[in-house]
Protein backbone atom coordinates (compact mmCIF):
# COMPACT_ATOMS: atom_id res chain seq x y z
CA MET A 1 102.01 108.63 139.62
CA LYS A 2 101.78 105.50 141.77
CA GLN A 3 99.22 107.27 143.93
CA VAL A 4 96.98 108.01 140.89
CA LYS A 5 97.18 104.37 139.69
CA LYS A 6 96.29 103.13 143.17
CA ILE A 7 93.27 105.48 143.39
CA THR A 8 92.19 104.49 139.86
CA ARG A 9 92.35 100.77 140.77
CA ILE A 10 90.39 101.29 143.97
CA PHE A 11 87.77 103.30 142.08
CA LEU A 12 87.56 100.58 139.39
CA VAL A 13 87.14 97.81 142.00
CA LEU A 14 84.44 99.77 143.82
CA THR A 15 82.60 100.53 140.58
CA LEU A 16 82.71 96.89 139.44
CA GLY A 17 81.59 95.74 142.88
CA LEU A 18 78.64 98.10 142.77
CA ILE A 19 77.63 97.04 139.26
CA PHE A 20 77.77 93.30 139.95
CA SER A 21 76.25 93.46 143.41
CA CYS A 22 73.01 95.04 142.20
CA ASP A 23 70.28 92.44 141.84
CA SER A 24 67.86 92.72 138.97
CA ASP A 25 64.46 91.88 140.41
CA ASP A 26 62.17 92.35 137.42
CA ASP A 27 59.65 89.59 138.11
CA ASN A 28 57.24 92.05 139.81
CA THR A 29 56.34 89.41 142.40
CA ASP A 30 55.80 90.62 145.93
CA THR A 31 55.98 87.51 148.06
CA SER A 32 55.30 89.54 151.18
CA LEU A 33 51.59 90.00 150.33
CA THR A 34 49.14 87.67 152.07
CA ASN A 35 46.20 85.94 150.39
CA ALA A 36 43.89 88.40 152.17
CA GLU A 37 45.74 91.30 150.52
CA LEU A 38 46.14 89.70 147.09
CA ILE A 39 42.44 88.85 146.71
CA ILE A 40 41.20 92.43 147.09
CA GLY A 41 39.84 93.77 143.79
CA SER A 42 37.66 92.64 140.88
CA TRP A 43 38.01 89.14 139.43
CA THR A 44 36.32 87.77 136.29
CA TRP A 45 35.64 84.08 135.69
CA THR A 46 37.80 82.72 132.86
CA ALA A 47 37.79 78.90 133.07
CA GLN A 48 36.43 75.86 134.90
CA SER A 49 37.42 72.23 135.16
CA GLU A 50 35.35 69.38 136.58
CA ASN A 51 37.09 66.27 137.93
CA ALA A 52 40.36 67.39 136.29
CA LEU A 53 38.72 67.75 132.86
CA ASP A 54 38.28 71.07 131.09
CA SER A 55 34.58 71.94 131.21
CA GLY A 56 34.84 73.63 127.83
CA PRO A 57 34.64 77.32 127.10
CA LEU A 58 32.50 79.45 129.35
CA SER A 59 29.53 81.21 127.80
CA GLU A 60 29.68 84.88 126.89
CA CYS A 61 27.62 85.70 129.98
CA GLU A 62 29.72 83.50 132.29
CA LEU A 63 32.84 85.32 131.13
CA LEU A 64 31.27 88.56 132.42
CA GLU A 65 30.64 87.11 135.90
CA THR A 66 32.56 89.28 138.35
CA PHE A 67 33.53 88.95 142.00
CA ILE A 68 34.59 92.11 143.84
CA TYR A 69 36.47 91.49 147.11
CA ASP A 70 36.85 94.47 149.45
CA GLY A 71 38.58 92.94 152.47
CA MET A 72 35.42 91.84 154.30
CA GLN A 73 32.68 91.25 151.74
CA VAL A 74 32.48 89.96 148.19
CA GLU A 75 29.93 91.17 145.66
CA GLN A 76 29.02 88.71 142.91
CA ILE A 77 27.60 90.08 139.67
CA ASP A 78 26.00 87.53 137.30
CA TYR A 79 24.82 87.99 133.73
CA SER A 80 22.35 86.09 131.54
CA GLY A 81 20.27 86.44 128.39
CA SER A 82 21.01 87.35 124.84
CA PRO A 83 22.52 89.88 124.77
CA CYS A 84 24.03 89.39 128.23
CA THR A 85 22.54 91.69 130.81
CA GLN A 86 23.12 91.85 134.54
CA ALA A 87 20.85 89.22 136.06
CA PHE A 88 21.53 89.65 139.77
CA THR A 89 23.97 90.83 142.37
CA SER A 90 24.62 89.18 145.71
CA THR A 91 26.87 90.05 148.64
CA GLU A 92 28.47 87.68 151.14
CA ASN A 93 30.97 88.02 153.94
CA TYR A 94 34.27 86.22 153.45
CA SER A 95 37.35 85.34 155.43
CA ILE A 96 40.67 83.74 154.56
CA ASP A 97 42.56 81.37 156.84
CA GLY A 98 45.76 80.25 155.14
CA ASN A 99 44.56 78.88 151.80
CA ILE A 100 40.90 78.39 152.83
CA LEU A 101 38.43 80.99 151.59
CA THR A 102 35.16 80.86 153.54
CA PHE A 103 31.98 82.61 152.41
CA SER A 104 29.06 83.28 154.76
CA ASP A 105 25.60 84.78 154.45
CA ILE A 106 25.65 88.45 155.56
CA ASN A 107 22.58 87.80 157.75
CA ASP A 108 23.44 84.30 159.03
CA ALA A 109 27.05 83.37 159.80
CA THR A 110 26.02 79.74 160.33
CA ASP A 111 25.21 79.53 156.59
CA PHE A 112 28.66 79.18 155.04
CA TYR A 113 30.81 77.23 152.57
CA SER A 114 34.53 77.05 151.89
CA GLU A 115 36.79 76.79 148.87
CA GLU A 116 40.51 76.08 148.70
CA ILE A 117 42.80 78.69 147.18
CA ILE A 118 45.17 76.67 144.99
CA GLU A 119 46.71 79.68 143.27
CA LEU A 120 46.58 83.38 144.06
CA ASN A 121 48.89 86.04 142.73
CA ALA A 122 48.55 89.55 141.29
CA THR A 123 46.74 88.30 138.16
CA THR A 124 45.28 84.81 138.78
CA LEU A 125 42.95 83.24 141.34
CA LYS A 126 42.18 79.49 141.25
CA LEU A 127 39.63 78.03 143.65
CA ARG A 128 38.95 74.33 144.27
CA TYR A 129 35.65 73.13 145.71
CA GLU A 130 33.46 70.03 145.84
CA GLU A 131 29.76 69.64 145.10
CA THR A 132 27.66 66.55 145.71
CA PHE A 133 24.54 65.90 143.65
CA ASN A 134 22.58 62.61 143.77
CA SER A 135 25.35 60.98 145.85
CA GLU A 136 27.97 61.86 143.23
CA THR A 137 30.75 64.25 144.24
CA SER A 138 32.46 66.42 141.66
CA ILE A 139 35.60 68.48 142.17
CA TYR A 140 35.67 71.85 140.44
CA ILE A 141 38.49 74.29 139.84
CA ASP A 142 37.42 77.78 138.83
CA THR A 143 39.97 80.21 137.40
CA TYR A 144 39.60 83.99 137.65
CA THR A 145 41.63 86.84 136.20
CA LYS A 146 42.09 90.10 138.05
CA ALA A 147 40.25 92.91 136.30
CA ASN A 148 41.92 95.76 138.19
């Protein structure tokens, strides 16, 4: 009888240890993916801010603007008109170094510009860049949502 109680206690301790040692990792976040891996896919433009102020809602056509990253090149698809129709498509090379995303002309690598990745995960991409017009510099943050 003592032998059965001892085996039952050992079994109970092992079972409880197994139950409480299992970690529930339900956040679906894979921190091992790099920015270069996370960016691959289709992204649609969802918001923009200028100098830390919301630029207001994007137009119906702007909300259709899509960027498709394939690991080496990005295809940009723009829409315009009423109703919105595809206006043009352009392709550029891109590279990622840390949190810097650099775009370059497919025919001229000396023609390039860079944007800072301030957020990139499985569903959201936020890019920060500066533009200067008439000696006035504006800081933009564009937000994209992954389409696939």
